[in-house]
Amino acid sequence: MRTVLCHPYHLVEPSPWPLLGAGGALF
């Protein structure tokens, strides 16, 4: 769940970016 640390925005809108969030952590 590194995406949450790198992208805290997921907590606000985890539905519109479920897959992109996981890939965003790598970038």
PDB file of N, CA and C in Angstrom:
ATOM      1  N   MET A   1       0.841  -1.200   0.000  1.00  0.00           N
ATOM      2  CA  MET A   1       0.000   0.000   0.000  1.00  0.00           C
ATOM      3  C   MET A   1       0.876   1.250   0.000  1.00  0.00           C
ATOM      4  N   ARG A   2       1.917   1.220  -0.778  1.00  0.00           N
ATOM      5  CA  ARG A   2       2.796   2.402  -0.855  1.00  0.00           C
ATOM      6  C   ARG A   2       2.098   3.539  -1.586  1.00  0.00           C
ATOM      7  N   THR A   3       1.082   3.195  -2.363  1.00  0.00           N
ATOM      8  CA  THR A   3       0.367   4.221  -3.120  1.00  0.00           C
ATOM      9  C   THR A   3      -0.224   5.263  -2.174  1.00  0.00           C
ATOM     10  N   VAL A   4      -0.690   4.817  -1.024  1.00  0.00           N
ATOM     11  CA  VAL A   4      -1.312   5.745  -0.068  1.00  0.00           C
ATOM     12  C   VAL A   4      -0.289   6.767   0.415  1.00  0.00           C
ATOM     13  N   LEU A   5       0.940   6.311   0.648  1.00  0.00           N
ATOM     14  CA  LEU A   5       1.983   7.221   1.132  1.00  0.00           C
ATOM     15  C   LEU A   5       2.399   8.187   0.029  1.00  0.00           C
ATOM     16  N   CYS A   6       2.569   7.652  -1.168  1.00  0.00           N
ATOM     17  CA  CYS A   6       2.997   8.499  -2.293  1.00  0.00           C
ATOM     18  C   CYS A   6       1.829   9.326  -2.825  1.00  0.00           C
ATOM     19  N   HIS A   7       0.644   8.703  -2.826  1.00  0.00           N
ATOM     20  CA  HIS A   7      -0.525   9.404  -3.348  1.00  0.00           C
ATOM     21  C   HIS A   7      -1.648   9.413  -2.318  1.00  0.00           C
ATOM     22  N   PRO A   8      -1.646  10.364  -1.406  1.00  0.00           N
ATOM     23  CA  PRO A   8      -2.691  10.448  -0.376  1.00  0.00           C
ATOM     24  C   PRO A   8      -4.047  10.815  -0.971  1.00  0.00           C
ATOM     25  N   TYR A   9      -4.045  11.244  -2.241  1.00  0.00           N
ATOM     26  CA  TYR A   9      -5.297  11.643  -2.885  1.00  0.00           C
ATOM     27  C   TYR A   9      -6.237  10.449  -3.041  1.00  0.00           C
ATOM     28  N   HIS A  10      -5.662   9.248  -3.034  1.00  0.00           N
ATOM     29  CA  HIS A  10      -6.486   8.050  -3.202  1.00  0.00           C
ATOM     30  C   HIS A  10      -7.536   7.954  -2.109  1.00  0.00           C
ATOM     31  N   LEU A  11      -7.218   8.459  -0.935  1.00  0.00           N
ATOM     32  CA  LEU A  11      -8.175   8.389   0.176  1.00  0.00           C
ATOM     33  C   LEU A  11      -9.419   9.201  -0.174  1.00  0.00           C
ATOM     34  N   VAL A  12      -9.221  10.264  -0.959  1.00  0.00           N
ATOM     35  CA  VAL A  12     -10.353  11.115  -1.336  1.00  0.00           C
ATOM     36  C   VAL A  12     -11.116  10.510  -2.511  1.00  0.00           C
ATOM     37  N   GLU A  13     -10.374  10.056  -3.514  1.00  0.00           N
ATOM     38  CA  GLU A  13     -11.030   9.465  -4.688  1.00  0.00           C
ATOM     39  C   GLU A  13     -10.352   8.161  -5.091  1.00  0.00           C
ATOM     40  N   PRO A  14     -10.579   7.095  -4.341  1.00  0.00           N
ATOM     41  CA  PRO A  14      -9.964   5.802  -4.634  1.00  0.00           C
ATOM     42  C   PRO A  14     -10.713   5.056  -5.749  1.00  0.00           C
ATOM     43  N   SER A  15     -11.924   5.477  -6.031  1.00  0.00           N
ATOM     44  CA  SER A  15     -12.715   4.783  -7.051  1.00  0.00           C
ATOM     45  C   SER A  15     -12.283   5.152  -8.475  1.00  0.00           C
ATOM     46  N   PRO A  16     -12.118   6.435  -8.787  1.00  0.00           N
ATOM     47  CA  PRO A  16     -11.762   6.846 -10.158  1.00  0.00           C
ATOM     48  C   PRO A  16     -10.358   6.428 -10.546  1.00  0.00           C
ATOM     49  N   TRP A  17      -9.492   6.193  -9.587  1.00  0.00           N
ATOM     50  CA  TRP A  17      -8.106   5.815  -9.926  1.00  0.00           C
ATOM     51  C   TRP A  17      -7.643   4.610  -9.113  1.00  0.00           C
ATOM     52  N   PRO A  18      -8.304   3.456  -9.277  1.00  0.00           N
ATOM     53  CA  PRO A  18      -7.923   2.249  -8.528  1.00  0.00           C
ATOM     54  C   PRO A  18      -6.682   1.602  -9.120  1.00  0.00           C
ATOM     55  N   LEU A  19      -6.641   1.490 -10.453  1.00  0.00           N
ATOM     56  CA  LEU A  19      -5.491   0.851 -11.120  1.00  0.00           C
ATOM     57  C   LEU A  19      -4.361   1.858 -11.307  1.00  0.00           C
ATOM     58  N   LEU A  20      -4.705   3.067 -11.681  1.00  0.00           N
ATOM     59  CA  LEU A  20      -3.678   4.099 -11.920  1.00  0.00           C
ATOM     60  C   LEU A  20      -2.909   4.361 -10.633  1.00  0.00           C
ATOM     61  N   GLY A  21      -3.568   4.261  -9.513  1.00  0.00           N
ATOM     62  CA  GLY A  21      -2.909   4.509  -8.224  1.00  0.00           C
ATOM     63  C   GLY A  21      -1.759   3.546  -8.009  1.00  0.00           C
ATOM     64  N   ALA A  22      -1.984   2.271  -8.298  1.00  0.00           N
ATOM     65  CA  ALA A  22      -0.930   1.270  -8.097  1.00  0.00           C
ATOM     66  C   ALA A  22       0.256   1.583  -9.004  1.00  0.00           C
ATOM     67  N   GLY A  23      -0.015   1.966 -10.245  1.00  0.00           N
ATOM     68  CA  GLY A  23       1.061   2.282 -11.189  1.00  0.00           C
ATOM     69  C   GLY A  23       1.727   3.602 -10.823  1.00  0.00           C
ATOM     70  N   GLY A  24       0.971   4.517 -10.244  1.00  0.00           N
ATOM     71  CA  GLY A  24       1.522   5.820  -9.865  1.00  0.00           C
ATOM     72  C   GLY A  24       2.629   5.677  -8.832  1.00  0.00           C
ATOM     73  N   ALA A  25       2.527   4.663  -7.974  1.00  0.00           N
ATOM     74  CA  ALA A  25       3.539   4.468  -6.929  1.00  0.00           C
ATOM     75  C   ALA A  25       4.898   4.207  -7.576  1.00  0.00           C
ATOM     76  N   LEU A  26       4.890   3.465  -8.686  1.00  0.00           N
ATOM     77  CA  LEU A  26       6.158   3.150  -9.367  1.00  0.00           C
ATOM     78  C   LEU A  26       6.762   4.421  -9.946  1.00  0.00           C
ATOM     79  N   PHE A  27       5.915   5.268 -10.499  1.00  0.00           N
ATOM     80  CA  PHE A  27       6.396   6.513 -11.097  1.00  0.00           C
ATOM     81  C   PHE A  27       6.592   7.561 -10.011  1.00  0.00           C
TER      82      PHE A  27
END
